[in-house]
Protein backbone atom coordinates (compact mmCIF):
# COMPACT_ATOMS: atom_id res chain seq x y z
CA MET A 1 7.94 -33.18 1.81
CA ASN A 2 8.11 -34.11 -1.63
CA ASN A 3 10.66 -33.79 -3.85
CA GLU A 4 9.27 -30.59 -5.74
CA ASP A 5 9.13 -28.74 -2.54
CA VAL A 6 12.63 -29.20 -2.32
CA LEU A 7 13.40 -28.34 -5.56
CA PHE A 8 10.98 -25.19 -5.50
CA ARG A 9 10.71 -23.66 -2.10
CA HIS A 10 13.34 -21.07 -2.72
CA ALA A 11 11.10 -19.63 -5.68
CA GLY A 12 8.59 -18.16 -3.38
CA LEU A 13 9.26 -14.91 -1.42
CA VAL A 14 10.06 -13.73 1.83
CA CYS A 15 8.30 -11.09 3.80
CA ALA A 16 9.04 -9.31 6.44
CA LEU A 17 8.47 -6.27 8.56
CA TYR A 18 11.45 -5.51 11.22
CA LYS A 19 11.31 -2.81 14.26
CA GLY A 20 13.40 -0.36 13.11
CA ILE A 21 15.89 0.24 10.81
CA ASP A 22 18.42 -2.93 11.57
CA LYS A 23 17.13 -6.96 10.82
CA VAL A 24 17.20 -7.53 14.23
CA ALA A 25 13.99 -7.85 15.97
CA ILE A 26 11.64 -9.33 13.59
CA LEU A 27 7.78 -8.40 14.38
CA ASP A 28 6.37 -10.26 11.34
CA ALA A 29 6.99 -12.46 8.98
CA LYS A 30 5.45 -14.62 6.37
CA GLU A 31 6.65 -17.28 3.87
CA LEU A 32 4.04 -17.69 0.45
CA ASN A 33 5.02 -20.88 -1.21
CA GLY A 34 2.58 -20.44 -3.70
CA ASP A 35 2.08 -20.00 -7.48
CA ILE A 36 3.97 -17.14 -8.99
CA CYS A 37 0.92 -14.87 -9.28
CA ASN A 38 -0.22 -15.67 -5.61
CA ASN A 39 3.16 -15.06 -3.95
CA VAL A 40 2.82 -11.13 -6.08
CA GLU A 41 -0.90 -10.68 -4.65
CA ASP A 42 0.15 -12.19 -1.02
CA ALA A 43 3.35 -9.87 -0.76
CA MET A 44 0.89 -7.00 -1.54
CA VAL A 45 -1.83 -7.28 0.99
CA PHE A 46 1.11 -7.74 3.52
CA LEU A 47 2.47 -4.49 3.09
CA LYS A 48 -0.63 -2.96 2.62
CA LYS A 49 -1.33 -4.79 6.08
CA HIS A 50 1.99 -3.13 7.30
CA LEU A 51 2.25 0.14 5.53
CA ARG A 52 0.68 3.80 7.01
CA VAL A 53 -2.99 4.75 5.46
CA SER A 54 -3.99 8.08 4.97
CA TYR A 55 -7.03 9.16 3.98
CA LYS A 56 -8.39 12.35 1.68
CA ILE A 57 -11.68 13.29 2.01
CA GLU A 58 -13.32 15.69 -0.58
CA SER A 59 -17.05 16.08 -0.69
CA LEU A 60 -18.95 13.38 0.20
CA LYS A 61 -16.00 10.70 -0.64
CA ARG A 62 -13.13 9.32 1.22
CA GLU A 63 -9.90 8.32 -0.51
CA ASN A 64 -7.56 5.76 1.06
CA ILE A 65 -3.82 6.25 0.33
CA LEU A 66 -1.32 4.09 0.90
CA GLU A 67 2.07 6.02 2.13
CA LEU A 68 4.65 4.42 -0.99
CA PRO A 69 2.69 4.23 -4.06
CA GLU A 70 0.41 0.42 -4.48
CA ASP A 71 1.80 0.61 -8.78
CA ALA A 72 5.51 1.43 -7.83
CA LEU A 73 5.34 -1.60 -4.96
CA ARG A 74 3.42 -4.16 -7.13
CA GLU A 75 5.80 -3.17 -9.99
CA ALA A 76 8.98 -3.96 -7.41
CA VAL A 77 6.88 -7.42 -6.18
CA VAL A 78 6.73 -8.55 -9.76
CA ASN A 79 9.54 -7.34 -11.43
CA ALA A 80 11.63 -9.44 -8.64
CA ALA A 81 9.23 -11.89 -9.26
CA CYS A 82 10.20 -11.93 -13.38
CA HIS A 83 13.58 -11.78 -13.58
CA ARG A 84 15.21 -13.25 -10.49
CA ASP A 85 17.85 -15.85 -10.96
CA TYR A 86 15.49 -19.08 -10.97
CA PHE A 87 18.73 -21.51 -10.53
CA GLU A 88 20.28 -19.35 -7.47
CA LYS A 89 19.07 -21.78 -4.69
CA GLY A 90 20.87 -19.98 -1.74
CA SER A 91 18.42 -17.30 -0.86
CA ARG A 92 15.09 -16.02 -2.27
CA VAL A 93 12.56 -12.82 -3.34
CA MET A 94 13.25 -10.84 0.24
CA VAL A 95 10.02 -7.97 0.61
CA GLU A 96 11.20 -6.46 3.47
CA ILE A 97 9.57 -3.61 5.71
CA PHE A 98 11.64 -1.35 7.79
CA ASP A 99 10.64 1.65 9.71
CA ASP A 100 12.05 4.21 7.51
CA ARG A 101 12.05 2.63 4.04
CA VAL A 102 10.59 -0.47 2.38
CA ALA A 103 13.26 -3.15 0.32
CA VAL A 104 11.94 -5.72 -2.26
CA VAL A 105 15.43 -7.88 -3.27
CA SER A 106 16.17 -10.64 -5.88
CA PRO A 107 18.77 -13.13 -6.03
CA GLY A 108 20.87 -12.72 -9.14
CA GLY A 109 21.09 -9.26 -10.09
CA VAL A 110 20.64 -7.51 -13.85
CA CYS A 111 20.61 -9.77 -16.55
CA LYS A 112 23.59 -9.69 -18.26
CA GLY A 113 24.27 -7.33 -20.68
CA ILE A 114 22.93 -4.57 -18.57
CA THR A 115 25.29 -1.31 -17.55
CA ARG A 116 24.57 1.40 -14.58
CA GLU A 117 25.18 3.33 -17.66
CA ASN A 118 22.28 1.67 -19.79
CA PHE A 119 19.88 0.84 -16.63
CA GLY A 120 16.55 1.15 -17.05
CA THR A 121 17.13 2.18 -20.69
CA VAL A 122 17.49 -1.67 -22.62
CA THR A 123 15.24 -4.82 -22.14
CA ILE A 124 17.14 -8.34 -21.42
CA THR A 125 14.87 -10.44 -20.16
CA ARG A 126 16.30 -13.44 -17.42
CA ASN A 127 12.96 -15.57 -17.78
CA PRO A 128 11.20 -14.52 -20.64
CA ALA A 129 8.27 -17.70 -20.16
CA ILE A 130 7.54 -15.80 -16.92
CA ALA A 131 7.55 -12.42 -18.58
CA SER A 132 5.14 -13.19 -21.60
CA MET A 133 3.23 -14.86 -19.03
CA PHE A 134 2.66 -11.88 -16.84
CA PHE A 135 2.12 -9.58 -20.11
CA ARG A 136 -0.68 -11.84 -21.00
CA ILE A 137 -2.09 -11.01 -17.43
CA ASP A 138 -1.51 -7.91 -17.55
CA TYR A 139 0.96 -7.51 -14.57
CA ILE A 140 2.72 -6.40 -16.49
CA GLU A 141 1.87 -3.26 -19.24
CA GLN A 142 4.94 -3.39 -22.03
CA MET A 143 8.20 -5.81 -20.85
CA GLY A 144 10.84 -3.76 -20.27
CA THR A 145 8.71 -0.37 -18.35
CA GLY A 146 8.65 -1.61 -15.33
CA ILE A 147 11.95 0.56 -14.06
CA GLY A 148 10.05 3.61 -15.34
CA ARG A 149 6.93 2.84 -14.31
CA MET A 150 8.42 2.93 -10.59
CA ARG A 151 10.23 5.80 -11.42
CA ASP A 152 6.63 7.99 -12.56
CA ALA A 153 4.31 6.42 -9.92
CA THR A 154 6.26 7.40 -7.04
CA ARG A 155 7.01 11.33 -8.96
CA LYS A 156 2.96 11.39 -8.77
CA ALA A 157 2.74 10.51 -5.32
CA ASP A 158 5.09 13.23 -4.57
CA VAL A 159 7.64 10.91 -2.37
CA ALA A 160 10.98 10.51 -3.25
CA GLU A 161 12.20 7.87 -6.45
CA PRO A 162 13.21 4.49 -5.22
CA ILE A 163 16.71 3.57 -5.58
CA PHE A 164 17.96 0.77 -7.98
CA GLU A 165 21.46 -1.48 -6.65
CA PHE A 166 22.34 -4.41 -8.73
CA ASP A 167 25.83 -5.89 -7.49
CA GLY A 168 25.07 -9.63 -7.12
CA PHE A 169 21.76 -9.01 -6.31
CA PHE A 170 19.08 -6.78 -7.26
CA LYS A 171 17.15 -4.55 -4.51
CA VAL A 172 14.95 -1.29 -5.13
CA THR A 173 14.48 0.77 -1.78
CA PHE A 174 11.53 2.84 -1.07
CA LYS A 175 12.15 5.32 1.82
CA ARG A 176 9.45 6.06 3.49
CA ASN A 177 7.59 9.20 5.55
CA THR A 178 8.55 9.19 8.84
CA THR A 179 6.18 12.11 9.51
CA GLN A 180 3.51 9.79 9.30
CA SER A 181 0.93 12.48 7.40
CA THR A 182 -0.68 13.53 4.46
CA VAL A 183 -2.29 16.70 2.95
CA ALA A 184 -5.82 16.73 1.76
CA SER A 185 -7.79 18.58 -0.72
CA ASN A 186 -8.17 21.51 1.79
CA GLY A 187 -4.86 21.44 2.64
CA GLN A 188 -5.64 20.27 6.59
CA ALA A 189 -2.78 17.18 7.14
CA ILE A 190 -4.57 14.41 8.16
CA THR A 191 -3.15 11.23 10.01
CA GLY A 192 -4.02 7.63 9.17
CA ASP A 193 -6.25 7.50 12.39
CA GLY A 194 -7.67 10.73 11.11
CA GLN A 195 -7.30 12.68 14.04
CA ALA A 196 -5.35 15.53 12.53
CA ILE A 197 -8.72 16.44 10.84
CA LYS A 198 -10.70 19.74 12.37
CA THR A 199 -13.96 18.90 13.97
CA SER A 200 -15.31 21.33 11.59
CA ASP A 201 -14.53 19.38 9.24
CA ARG A 202 -15.56 16.60 10.22
CA LYS A 203 -19.00 18.20 10.93
CA ARG A 204 -19.04 19.91 7.17
CA VAL A 205 -18.35 16.79 5.48
CA ILE A 206 -21.59 14.79 7.65
CA LEU A 207 -24.10 17.90 6.80
CA SER A 208 -22.98 17.24 3.42
CA TYR A 209 -24.03 13.59 3.36
CA PHE A 210 -27.29 14.29 4.99
CA GLU A 211 -28.14 16.97 2.51
CA LYS A 212 -27.70 13.50 -0.17
CA HIS A 213 -28.57 11.21 2.19
CA THR A 214 -31.27 12.89 4.66
CA GLN A 215 -30.61 10.50 6.98
CA ALA A 216 -27.17 8.50 8.27
CA THR A 217 -25.89 5.75 11.23
CA ALA A 218 -23.50 5.89 12.77
CA SER A 219 -21.94 3.82 11.69
CA GLU A 220 -22.07 4.99 7.83
CA VAL A 221 -20.53 8.44 8.85
CA ALA A 222 -17.59 6.28 10.89
CA GLU A 223 -16.82 4.73 7.11
CA LEU A 224 -17.30 7.28 5.82
CA LEU A 225 -14.97 9.77 8.11
CA GLY A 226 -12.23 6.86 8.83
CA LEU A 227 -13.26 7.20 12.33
CA SER A 228 -13.88 4.86 15.37
CA LYS A 229 -17.94 4.69 16.25
CA GLY A 230 -17.11 5.85 19.59
CA ARG A 231 -15.18 8.94 18.47
CA VAL A 232 -18.49 9.62 15.61
CA ARG A 233 -20.80 8.98 18.18
CA ALA A 234 -18.69 11.82 20.42
CA ILE A 235 -19.36 13.97 17.04
CA LEU A 236 -22.82 13.48 16.33
CA GLN A 237 -23.90 13.72 20.30
CA GLU A 238 -22.10 17.62 20.17
CA MET A 239 -24.28 17.96 16.74
CA THR A 240 -27.19 17.26 18.33
CA ASN A 241 -26.40 19.22 21.73
CA ASP A 242 -25.79 22.28 18.56
CA ASP A 243 -29.01 21.05 17.57
CA THR A 244 -27.60 20.63 14.22
CA ILE A 245 -29.12 17.01 14.37
CA GLU A 246 -31.60 15.17 15.57
CA LYS A 247 -31.42 11.41 16.71
CA VAL A 248 -33.86 8.83 16.33
CA GLY A 249 -34.85 5.65 17.35
CA ASP A 250 -32.30 4.18 20.16
CA LYS A 251 -29.06 1.85 20.89
CA ARG A 252 -28.47 -0.43 16.88
CA TYR A 253 -31.35 0.84 15.44
CA ALA A 254 -30.25 4.56 16.40
CA TYR A 255 -29.75 7.32 12.77
CA TYR A 256 -29.32 10.85 12.50
CA ILE A 257 -31.21 13.47 10.50
CA LEU A 258 -31.21 16.99 9.90
CA LYS A 259 -32.64 18.86 12.50
CA SER A 260 -35.13 20.69 10.90
């Protein structure tokens, strides 16, 4: 380990996934000690790996929906990396996932001059060089707009607005939806594994796909619906038995067409 490692290890990020709502059992953890931009991107990868994803299907398109808005999470991580107190060597930025919340915590609290009354309305930058760099590479749109953008993103996603705390540390907390579901455009609730989508709706989407593409493989339908190939093959077999579609070929070369 060289002197640079010793001096700047505290400048990295630590990501942690906990079991339950307390810091007792750690299920996964990652220490990020790369450059500041890669640390932000790797923290987002960690969040997207462990947060639930739901699907919304409209016509032939499937949209993946992270349970908490990605824009708000990214703003929180960027804000932590940009504005933390880098002279505080006893702690690092923490990105923590619990069963009921996600917390992004950075050392140093808010800058001198920011109070609870003017929080979110005034701009004071602790690390102007880092803030300027983030602005130039489009990590932040305008300096001082991060708090508002987090609030706006959560409102648009129809989730609870973030909670901000700044006593010694600056902490942003996003509450998670413990019902593990979202609502599709047709009003049908669908879970991350797609199991709550009605079979009739799945078949409708499949038929619409056939009308546009003429034929489809089980893999293509699985990607469309966000289901396993095994579950999709069972649905396709039902549609074949109903004389709705026809299977052509066998094994890995098989594909399906509309029944003429």
